[in-house]
C-alpha atoms as a PDB file:
ATOM      1  CA  MET A   1       7.448 -64.862  17.399  1.00  0.00           C
ATOM      2  CA  SER A   2       5.952 -63.988  20.685  1.00  0.00           C
ATOM      3  CA  SER A   3       2.470 -63.100  19.576  1.00  0.00           C
ATOM      4  CA  LYS A   4       0.224 -65.830  20.773  1.00  0.00           C
ATOM      5  CA  VAL A   5      -2.254 -65.220  17.502  1.00  0.00           C
ATOM      6  CA  LEU A   6      -0.427 -65.205  14.287  1.00  0.00           C
ATOM      7  CA  THR A   7      -1.941 -64.685  10.977  1.00  0.00           C
ATOM      8  CA  CYS A   8      -1.589 -67.407   7.624  1.00  0.00           C
ATOM      9  CA  CYS A   9       1.744 -65.548   6.596  1.00  0.00           C
ATOM     10  CA  GLN A  10       3.086 -65.416  10.093  1.00  0.00           C
ATOM     11  CA  ALA A  11       2.628 -68.988  10.953  1.00  0.00           C
ATOM     12  CA  ARG A  12       4.411 -70.220   8.067  1.00  0.00           C
ATOM     13  CA  TRP A  13       7.265 -67.818   8.365  1.00  0.00           C
ATOM     14  CA  ALA A  14       7.315 -69.280  12.054  1.00  0.00           C
ATOM     15  CA  VAL A  15       7.488 -73.092  10.831  1.00  0.00           C
ATOM     16  CA  PHE A  16      10.429 -72.027   8.029  1.00  0.00           C
ATOM     17  CA  LEU A  17      12.653 -70.067  10.718  1.00  0.00           C
ATOM     18  CA  SER A  18      11.974 -72.975  13.101  1.00  0.00           C
ATOM     19  CA  GLU A  19      14.758 -74.689  11.525  1.00  0.00           C
ATOM     20  CA  PHE A  20      17.250 -72.227  11.918  1.00  0.00           C
ATOM     21  CA  HIS A  21      19.445 -71.113  15.162  1.00  0.00           C
ATOM     22  CA  PHE A  22      20.386 -67.250  14.762  1.00  0.00           C
ATOM     23  CA  THR A  23      20.188 -64.087  16.728  1.00  0.00           C
ATOM     24  CA  ILE A  24      19.867 -60.611  15.251  1.00  0.00           C
ATOM     25  CA  THR A  25      22.712 -58.073  16.782  1.00  0.00           C
ATOM     26  CA  TYR A  26      23.143 -54.327  15.149  1.00  0.00           C
ATOM     27  CA  ARG A  27      26.302 -53.738  15.305  1.00  0.00           C
ATOM     28  CA  PRO A  28      27.648 -49.803  13.568  1.00  0.00           C
ATOM     29  CA  GLY A  29      30.153 -49.992  11.038  1.00  0.00           C
ATOM     30  CA  ARG A  30      32.394 -48.053   8.733  1.00  0.00           C
ATOM     31  CA  LEU A  31      29.530 -48.211   5.775  1.00  0.00           C
ATOM     32  CA  ALA A  32      27.167 -46.297   8.194  1.00  0.00           C
ATOM     33  CA  THR A  33      29.008 -44.124  10.070  1.00  0.00           C
ATOM     34  CA  LEU A  34      27.011 -40.379   9.453  1.00  0.00           C
ATOM     35  CA  PRO A  35      23.678 -42.445   9.425  1.00  0.00           C
ATOM     36  CA  ASP A  36      25.077 -43.948  13.215  1.00  0.00           C
ATOM     37  CA  ALA A  37      25.750 -40.758  14.092  1.00  0.00           C
ATOM     38  CA  LEU A  38      22.615 -38.789  13.192  1.00  0.00           C
ATOM     39  CA  SER A  39      20.519 -41.629  14.193  1.00  0.00           C
ATOM     40  CA  ARG A  40      21.530 -40.739  17.863  1.00  0.00           C
ATOM     41  CA  GLN A  41      21.746 -37.166  17.492  1.00  0.00           C
ATOM     42  CA  ASP A  42      19.703 -35.194  19.472  1.00  0.00           C
ATOM     43  CA  VAL A  43      16.962 -33.489  17.157  1.00  0.00           C
ATOM     44  CA  VAL A  44      15.781 -31.037  19.688  1.00  0.00           C
ATOM     45  CA  TRP A  45      19.193 -28.710  19.843  1.00  0.00           C
ATOM     46  CA  THR A  46      16.657 -26.211  18.856  1.00  0.00           C
ATOM     47  CA  ASP A  47      14.096 -26.386  21.264  1.00  0.00           C
ATOM     48  CA  ARG A  48      16.796 -26.044  24.049  1.00  0.00           C
ATOM     49  CA  ASP A  49      18.197 -22.528  22.044  1.00  0.00           C
ATOM     50  CA  GLU A  50      17.553 -19.524  23.932  1.00  0.00           C
ATOM     51  CA  HIS A  51      14.974 -17.010  22.107  1.00  0.00           C
ATOM     52  CA  SER A  52      16.426 -13.520  22.080  1.00  0.00           C
ATOM     53  CA  SER A  53      13.285 -12.014  23.409  1.00  0.00           C
ATOM     54  CA  THR A  54      12.589 -14.474  25.176  1.00  0.00           C
ATOM     55  CA  ASN A  55      15.904 -15.328  26.941  1.00  0.00           C
ATOM     56  CA  GLU A  56      14.585 -18.399  27.765  1.00  0.00           C
ATOM     57  CA  SER A  57      14.377 -21.891  25.307  1.00  0.00           C
ATOM     58  CA  PRO A  58      11.058 -22.790  23.951  1.00  0.00           C
ATOM     59  CA  PHE A  59      11.068 -26.205  25.378  1.00  0.00           C
ATOM     60  CA  PHE A  60      11.770 -24.385  28.746  1.00  0.00           C
ATOM     61  CA  ILE A  61       8.726 -22.432  28.401  1.00  0.00           C
ATOM     62  CA  ILE A  62       6.688 -25.527  28.085  1.00  0.00           C
ATOM     63  CA  TYR A  63       7.698 -27.470  30.323  1.00  0.00           C
ATOM     64  CA  GLY A  64       9.724 -25.496  32.625  1.00  0.00           C
ATOM     65  CA  ARG A  65      12.601 -27.260  32.795  1.00  0.00           C
ATOM     66  CA  THR A  66      16.388 -27.822  30.528  1.00  0.00           C
ATOM     67  CA  PRO A  67      15.406 -31.099  28.875  1.00  0.00           C
ATOM     68  CA  SER A  68      18.310 -33.386  29.835  1.00  0.00           C
ATOM     69  CA  PHE A  69      20.399 -35.168  26.929  1.00  0.00           C
ATOM     70  CA  ASP A  70      19.843 -38.568  27.450  1.00  0.00           C
ATOM     71  CA  SER A  71      16.388 -38.764  27.514  1.00  0.00           C
ATOM     72  CA  ILE A  72      13.402 -36.797  28.220  1.00  0.00           C
ATOM     73  CA  HIS A  73      10.997 -37.203  31.481  1.00  0.00           C
ATOM     74  CA  ILE A  74       9.317 -35.756  34.124  1.00  0.00           C
ATOM     75  CA  SER A  75      10.621 -36.201  36.955  1.00  0.00           C
ATOM     76  CA  GLN A  76       8.392 -38.820  39.745  1.00  0.00           C
ATOM     77  CA  ASP A  77       8.590 -36.389  42.632  1.00  0.00           C
ATOM     78  CA  SER A  78       7.558 -33.463  40.980  1.00  0.00           C
ATOM     79  CA  PRO A  79       3.872 -32.919  41.817  1.00  0.00           C
ATOM     80  CA  ALA A  80       1.442 -31.701  38.874  1.00  0.00           C
ATOM     81  CA  GLY A  81       0.532 -28.138  41.284  1.00  0.00           C
ATOM     82  CA  LYS A  82       4.534 -27.777  41.668  1.00  0.00           C
ATOM     83  CA  LEU A  83       5.316 -28.282  37.811  1.00  0.00           C
ATOM     84  CA  SER A  84       2.373 -25.828  37.338  1.00  0.00           C
ATOM     85  CA  THR A  85       2.942 -23.474  39.480  1.00  0.00           C
ATOM     86  CA  LYS A  86       6.591 -23.238  37.809  1.00  0.00           C
ATOM     87  CA  LEU A  87       4.805 -22.891  34.698  1.00  0.00           C
ATOM     88  CA  GLN A  88       2.921 -20.115  35.290  1.00  0.00           C
ATOM     89  CA  SER A  89       6.127 -18.414  36.622  1.00  0.00           C
ATOM     90  CA  VAL A  90       8.044 -19.008  33.789  1.00  0.00           C
ATOM     91  CA  GLN A  91       4.537 -17.822  30.937  1.00  0.00           C
ATOM     92  CA  LYS A  92       4.588 -14.860  32.732  1.00  0.00           C
ATOM     93  CA  VAL A  93       8.435 -13.867  32.508  1.00  0.00           C
ATOM     94  CA  VAL A  94       8.547 -14.615  29.108  1.00  0.00           C
ATOM     95  CA  LYS A  95       5.543 -11.935  28.529  1.00  0.00           C
ATOM     96  CA  GLU A  96       7.407  -9.416  30.402  1.00  0.00           C
ATOM     97  CA  GLU A  97      10.413 -10.183  27.949  1.00  0.00           C
ATOM     98  CA  LEU A  98       7.820  -9.670  25.053  1.00  0.00           C
ATOM     99  CA  GLU A  99       6.625  -7.072  26.378  1.00  0.00           C
ATOM    100  CA  SER A 100       9.752  -5.272  27.181  1.00  0.00           C
ATOM    101  CA  GLU A 101      11.084  -6.172  23.483  1.00  0.00           C
ATOM    102  CA  ILE A 102       7.561  -4.626  21.786  1.00  0.00           C
ATOM    103  CA  ARG A 103       8.174  -1.601  23.648  1.00  0.00           C
ATOM    104  CA  ILE A 104      11.821  -1.191  22.516  1.00  0.00           C
ATOM    105  CA  PHE A 105      11.112  -1.847  18.724  1.00  0.00           C
ATOM    106  CA  LYS A 106       8.200   0.538  19.022  1.00  0.00           C
ATOM    107  CA  LYS A 107      10.716   3.148  20.808  1.00  0.00           C
ATOM    108  CA  TYR A 108      12.795   2.782  18.069  1.00  0.00           C
ATOM    109  CA  THR A 109      11.018   3.171  15.078  1.00  0.00           C
ATOM    110  CA  ASP A 110       8.981   5.941  16.881  1.00  0.00           C
ATOM    111  CA  ILE A 111      13.145   7.948  16.481  1.00  0.00           C
ATOM    112  CA  ASN A 112      13.918   6.359  13.242  1.00  0.00           C
ATOM    113  CA  GLY A 113      10.541   6.144  10.865  1.00  0.00           C
ATOM    114  CA  THR A 114       7.604   8.040  11.215  1.00  0.00           C
ATOM    115  CA  ILE A 115       4.432   8.008  13.541  1.00  0.00           C
ATOM    116  CA  PRO A 116       1.548   6.927  11.106  1.00  0.00           C
ATOM    117  CA  PRO A 117      -1.584   9.705  11.218  1.00  0.00           C
ATOM    118  CA  ASP A 118      -4.841   9.674  13.232  1.00  0.00           C
ATOM    119  CA  PHE A 119      -6.998  10.279  11.090  1.00  0.00           C
ATOM    120  CA  GLN A 120     -10.678  11.181  12.473  1.00  0.00           C
ATOM    121  CA  PRO A 121     -14.171  10.743  10.868  1.00  0.00           C
ATOM    122  CA  GLY A 122     -14.600  14.007   8.358  1.00  0.00           C
ATOM    123  CA  ASP A 123     -11.279  13.980   7.853  1.00  0.00           C
ATOM    124  CA  LYS A 124     -10.282  13.974   3.905  1.00  0.00           C
ATOM    125  CA  VAL A 125      -6.993  11.749   2.719  1.00  0.00           C
ATOM    126  CA  TRP A 126      -5.586  10.747   0.147  1.00  0.00           C
ATOM    127  CA  LEU A 127      -4.762   6.972  -1.389  1.00  0.00           C
ATOM    128  CA  ALA A 128      -2.056   5.173  -2.999  1.00  0.00           C
ATOM    129  CA  SER A 129      -2.679   3.861  -6.136  1.00  0.00           C
ATOM    130  CA  LYS A 130      -0.587   1.070  -6.427  1.00  0.00           C
ATOM    131  CA  ASN A 131      -3.135  -1.835  -5.436  1.00  0.00           C
ATOM    132  CA  ILE A 132      -6.391  -0.052  -7.888  1.00  0.00           C
ATOM    133  CA  LYS A 133      -6.744  -1.177 -11.243  1.00  0.00           C
ATOM    134  CA  THR A 134      -7.208   2.445 -13.145  1.00  0.00           C
ATOM    135  CA  THR A 135      -8.586   2.856 -16.325  1.00  0.00           C
ATOM    136  CA  ARG A 136      -5.411   5.377 -17.665  1.00  0.00           C
ATOM    137  CA  PRO A 137      -3.686   4.281 -20.906  1.00  0.00           C
ATOM    138  CA  THR A 138      -0.225   3.853 -18.718  1.00  0.00           C
ATOM    139  CA  LYS A 139       0.839   3.338 -15.463  1.00  0.00           C
ATOM    140  CA  LYS A 140       3.336   5.972 -15.921  1.00  0.00           C
ATOM    141  CA  LEU A 141      -0.328   8.013 -16.041  1.00  0.00           C
ATOM    142  CA  SER A 142      -1.254   6.681 -13.271  1.00  0.00           C
ATOM    143  CA  GLU A 143      -1.955   9.137 -10.069  1.00  0.00           C
ATOM    144  CA  ARG A 144       0.627   8.294  -7.539  1.00  0.00           C
ATOM    145  CA  TRP A 145      -2.304   9.407  -5.052  1.00  0.00           C
ATOM    146  CA  LEU A 146      -5.605   8.834  -5.470  1.00  0.00           C
ATOM    147  CA  GLY A 147      -8.961  10.909  -4.261  1.00  0.00           C
ATOM    148  CA  PRO A 148      -9.115  12.378  -1.614  1.00  0.00           C
ATOM    149  CA  PHE A 149     -11.812  10.598   0.144  1.00  0.00           C
ATOM    150  CA  GLU A 150     -13.328  10.995   3.483  1.00  0.00           C
ATOM    151  CA  VAL A 151     -12.589   9.271   6.222  1.00  0.00           C
ATOM    152  CA  ILE A 152     -15.882   7.459   8.062  1.00  0.00           C
ATOM    153  CA  LYS A 153     -14.306   5.941  10.779  1.00  0.00           C
ATOM    154  CA  LYS A 154     -11.704   3.551  12.164  1.00  0.00           C
ATOM    155  CA  ILE A 155     -11.228  -0.063  11.819  1.00  0.00           C
ATOM    156  CA  GLY A 156      -9.468  -1.710  14.618  1.00  0.00           C
ATOM    157  CA  SER A 157      -6.001   0.291  15.278  1.00  0.00           C
ATOM    158  CA  HIS A 158      -4.233   0.564  11.823  1.00  0.00           C
ATOM    159  CA  ALA A 159      -7.171   1.269   9.085  1.00  0.00           C
ATOM    160  CA  TYR A 160      -9.380   3.108   7.992  1.00  0.00           C
ATOM    161  CA  HIS A 161     -13.335   3.215   6.307  1.00  0.00           C
ATOM    162  CA  LEU A 162     -12.926   5.389   2.899  1.00  0.00           C
ATOM    163  CA  LYS A 163     -15.997   7.095   1.283  1.00  0.00           C
ATOM    164  CA  PHE A 164     -15.735   5.663  -2.538  1.00  0.00           C
ATOM    165  CA  PRO A 165     -17.955   7.375  -5.152  1.00  0.00           C
ATOM    166  CA  GLN A 166     -20.619   4.899  -6.395  1.00  0.00           C
ATOM    167  CA  GLN A 167     -18.715   4.387  -9.489  1.00  0.00           C
ATOM    168  CA  TRP A 168     -16.521   2.350  -6.846  1.00  0.00           C
ATOM    169  CA  LYS A 169     -18.809   0.206  -5.318  1.00  0.00           C
ATOM    170  CA  SER A 170     -16.541  -2.514  -6.746  1.00  0.00           C
ATOM    171  CA  VAL A 171     -13.391  -1.546  -4.265  1.00  0.00           C
ATOM    172  CA  HIS A 172     -13.460  -2.721  -1.019  1.00  0.00           C
ATOM    173  CA  PRO A 173     -13.147   0.942   0.684  1.00  0.00           C
ATOM    174  CA  VAL A 174     -11.434  -0.432   4.318  1.00  0.00           C
ATOM    175  CA  PHE A 175      -6.862   0.601   3.970  1.00  0.00           C
ATOM    176  CA  HIS A 176      -4.250   0.122   6.287  1.00  0.00           C
ATOM    177  CA  VAL A 177      -2.950   3.665   7.200  1.00  0.00           C
ATOM    178  CA  SER A 178       0.378   3.182   5.267  1.00  0.00           C
ATOM    179  CA  LEU A 179      -1.576   3.881   2.088  1.00  0.00           C
ATOM    180  CA  LEU A 180      -3.166   6.492   3.199  1.00  0.00           C
ATOM    181  CA  GLN A 181      -1.812  10.414   3.222  1.00  0.00           C
ATOM    182  CA  PRO A 182      -4.083  13.666   4.999  1.00  0.00           C
ATOM    183  CA  VAL A 183      -5.009  16.396   2.691  1.00  0.00           C
ATOM    184  CA  LYS A 184      -2.898  19.243   3.174  1.00  0.00           C
ATOM    185  CA  GLN A 185      -5.124  22.000   1.935  1.00  0.00           C
ATOM    186  CA  SER A 186      -2.340  25.111   0.162  1.00  0.00           C
ATOM    187  CA  SER A 187      -3.002  28.519  -0.327  1.00  0.00           C
ATOM    188  CA  ILE A 188      -2.420  28.609  -3.418  1.00  0.00           C
ATOM    189  CA  PRO A 189      -5.534  28.424  -5.506  1.00  0.00           C
ATOM    190  CA  ASN A 190      -7.534  25.492  -7.051  1.00  0.00           C
ATOM    191  CA  HIS A 191      -3.962  23.522  -6.300  1.00  0.00           C
ATOM    192  CA  ASN A 192      -6.030  20.596  -4.472  1.00  0.00           C
ATOM    193  CA  GLN A 193      -8.296  20.603  -7.182  1.00  0.00           C
ATOM    194  CA  LEU A 194      -8.750  16.770  -9.084  1.00  0.00           C
ATOM    195  CA  LEU A 195      -7.859  16.291 -12.251  1.00  0.00           C
ATOM    196  CA  PRO A 196     -10.280  16.690 -15.163  1.00  0.00           C
ATOM    197  CA  PRO A 197     -12.318  13.504 -15.670  1.00  0.00           C
ATOM    198  CA  PRO A 198     -12.076  11.883 -18.628  1.00  0.00           C
ATOM    199  CA  VAL A 199     -14.013  11.610 -21.868  1.00  0.00           C
ATOM    200  CA  LEU A 200     -16.767   9.288 -22.170  1.00  0.00           C
ATOM    201  CA  VAL A 201     -16.841   7.444 -25.543  1.00  0.00           C
ATOM    202  CA  GLU A 202     -19.115   5.208 -25.932  1.00  0.00           C
ATOM    203  CA  GLN A 203     -19.504   4.453 -22.685  1.00  0.00           C
ATOM    204  CA  GLN A 204     -15.926   3.967 -21.771  1.00  0.00           C
ATOM    205  CA  GLU A 205     -13.853   6.230 -20.491  1.00  0.00           C
ATOM    206  CA  GLU A 206     -10.895   7.336 -22.928  1.00  0.00           C
ATOM    207  CA  TRP A 207      -8.407  10.448 -22.236  1.00  0.00           C
ATOM    208  CA  GLU A 208      -8.250  13.526 -24.830  1.00  0.00           C
ATOM    209  CA  VAL A 209      -4.967  13.835 -26.879  1.00  0.00           C
ATOM    210  CA  ALA A 210      -3.345  16.946 -26.527  1.00  0.00           C
ATOM    211  CA  GLN A 211      -0.793  16.333 -29.593  1.00  0.00           C
ATOM    212  CA  VAL A 212       1.534  14.208 -31.420  1.00  0.00           C
ATOM    213  CA  LEU A 213       4.977  15.066 -30.631  1.00  0.00           C
ATOM    214  CA  ASP A 214       6.868  11.956 -32.801  1.00  0.00           C
ATOM    215  CA  SER A 215       6.445   8.686 -34.534  1.00  0.00           C
ATOM    216  CA  LYS A 216       8.347   5.343 -35.315  1.00  0.00           C
ATOM    217  CA  LEU A 217       7.875   2.078 -36.304  1.00  0.00           C
ATOM    218  CA  ARG A 218       8.742  -1.054 -33.580  1.00  0.00           C
ATOM    219  CA  ARG A 219       8.050  -4.439 -35.091  1.00  0.00           C
ATOM    220  CA  GLY A 220       6.777  -3.746 -37.964  1.00  0.00           C
ATOM    221  CA  LYS A 221       3.943  -1.675 -36.076  1.00  0.00           C
ATOM    222  CA  LEU A 222       3.473   2.358 -36.129  1.00  0.00           C
ATOM    223  CA  TRP A 223       3.390   3.854 -32.600  1.00  0.00           C
ATOM    224  CA  TYR A 224       3.224   7.803 -31.542  1.00  0.00           C
ATOM    225  CA  LEU A 225       4.420   9.857 -28.891  1.00  0.00           C
ATOM    226  CA  VAL A 226       1.813  11.116 -27.286  1.00  0.00           C
ATOM    227  CA  GLU A 227       0.927  14.343 -25.170  1.00  0.00           C
ATOM    228  CA  TRP A 228      -2.258  14.273 -23.089  1.00  0.00           C
ATOM    229  CA  LYS A 229      -4.714  17.396 -22.049  1.00  0.00           C
ATOM    230  CA  GLU A 230      -4.796  16.496 -19.060  1.00  0.00           C
ATOM    231  CA  PHE A 231      -0.562  16.088 -18.186  1.00  0.00           C
ATOM    232  CA  SER A 232       0.351  19.058 -20.563  1.00  0.00           C
ATOM    233  CA  GLU A 233       2.350  20.852 -18.323  1.00  0.00           C
ATOM    234  CA  ASP A 234       4.131  17.712 -17.150  1.00  0.00           C
ATOM    235  CA  PRO A 235       6.318  16.526 -20.358  1.00  0.00           C
ATOM    236  CA  GLU A 236       7.433  13.348 -18.435  1.00  0.00           C
ATOM    237  CA  ARG A 237       3.933  12.080 -19.023  1.00  0.00           C
ATOM    238  CA  THR A 238       3.952  11.755 -22.620  1.00  0.00           C
ATOM    239  CA  THR A 239       3.807   8.260 -23.476  1.00  0.00           C
ATOM    240  CA  TRP A 240       4.582   6.064 -26.884  1.00  0.00           C
ATOM    241  CA  GLU A 241       1.210   4.665 -27.907  1.00  0.00           C
ATOM    242  CA  PRO A 242      -0.374   2.587 -30.573  1.00  0.00           C
ATOM    243  CA  ALA A 243      -2.003   3.908 -33.847  1.00  0.00           C
ATOM    244  CA  SER A 244      -4.547   2.088 -32.900  1.00  0.00           C
ATOM    245  CA  ASN A 245      -5.378   3.632 -29.929  1.00  0.00           C
ATOM    246  CA  LEU A 246      -5.384   7.000 -31.730  1.00  0.00           C
ATOM    247  CA  THR A 247      -8.488   6.262 -33.704  1.00  0.00           C
ATOM    248  CA  ASN A 248     -10.355   8.682 -32.063  1.00  0.00           C
ATOM    249  CA  SER A 249      -7.794  11.492 -32.981  1.00  0.00           C
ATOM    250  CA  PRO A 250      -7.660  11.637 -36.883  1.00  0.00           C
ATOM    251  CA  ASP A 251      -7.366  15.469 -37.263  1.00  0.00           C
ATOM    252  CA  LEU A 252      -4.044  15.160 -34.515  1.00  0.00           C
ATOM    253  CA  VAL A 253      -2.540  12.505 -36.521  1.00  0.00           C
ATOM    254  CA  LYS A 254      -3.025  14.187 -40.046  1.00  0.00           C
ATOM    255  CA  ASP A 255      -1.880  17.497 -38.397  1.00  0.00           C
ATOM    256  CA  PHE A 256       1.219  16.032 -37.074  1.00  0.00           C
ATOM    257  CA  HIS A 257       2.302  14.043 -40.683  1.00  0.00           C
ATOM    258  CA  SER A 258       1.588  17.672 -42.144  1.00  0.00           C
ATOM    259  CA  LEU A 259       4.396  19.331 -40.129  1.00  0.00           C
ATOM    260  CA  TYR A 260       6.662  16.201 -40.112  1.00  0.00           C
ATOM    261  CA  PRO A 261       6.049  14.328 -43.495  1.00  0.00           C
ATOM    262  CA  ASP A 262       9.312  12.495 -43.669  1.00  0.00           C
ATOM    263  CA  LYS A 263       8.382  10.732 -40.211  1.00  0.00           C
ATOM    264  CA  PRO A 264       7.208   6.855 -40.072  1.00  0.00           C
ATOM    265  CA  GLY A 265       3.113   7.378 -40.728  1.00  0.00           C
ATOM    266  CA  PRO A 266       0.398   4.824 -41.920  1.00  0.00           C
ATOM    267  CA  ASN A 267       1.717   4.473 -45.579  1.00  0.00           C
ATOM    268  CA  THR A 268       5.967   3.892 -44.407  1.00  0.00           C
ATOM    269  CA  SER A 269       6.860   0.340 -45.408  1.00  0.00           C
ATOM    270  CA  ARG A 270       6.650  -1.871 -42.557  1.00  0.00           C
ATOM    271  CA  VAL A 271       8.970  -4.126 -44.115  1.00  0.00           C
END
């Protein structure tokens, strides 16, 4: 006990241990071979590895030298000014290496990828719908591209501010260029027209049913295969809908069962 002032607890232990004559010595043995080896293992090996982009180790970039294996220290004969100059030189080289890596990456991207378009204010663009929640009855009926929308201005180097209609006021109007596609004018009349708007039923949007194509029972519930008016020319846009979704189309359901009386219907046993 070398402390000049002992606490009450330390004083009691000091009196107790004073009756013994012993020394504490650490001797590594077989029982702690792995912990002993790990305790002596250098823990800064990751800092000594050269990075592929900079060709220097993180330790060298920060301290301007390579760490020794036995200890980490700064030589006493290294003036602060000399060390500072060396660090600035190292950081300059690292910056040049990183800029070179960026140029190589950009060149590779330009060759093997696509150069993002540069839109100007007033341009019309399509917006990818993958991050937009729509009111379509199913995701299958959702358009891959929404719009077109007018570009208001460019934000930074890779984002654009779009002009949205009033009903889109809850959607943030700034999007990354990867979510935008330029509108290409077609020589085909009306080719770029938007899809017809949905019908409002009790102030909620509802898409019109063109006809009922089939019916089936699924887990005791009645489902109908529906063709939508907005997509009548696209047979892949038909969807299976529960009977509860067709409450506003009773005549079409009745016509279907008149043509196919053997198909499952509202009066079919659902055991």
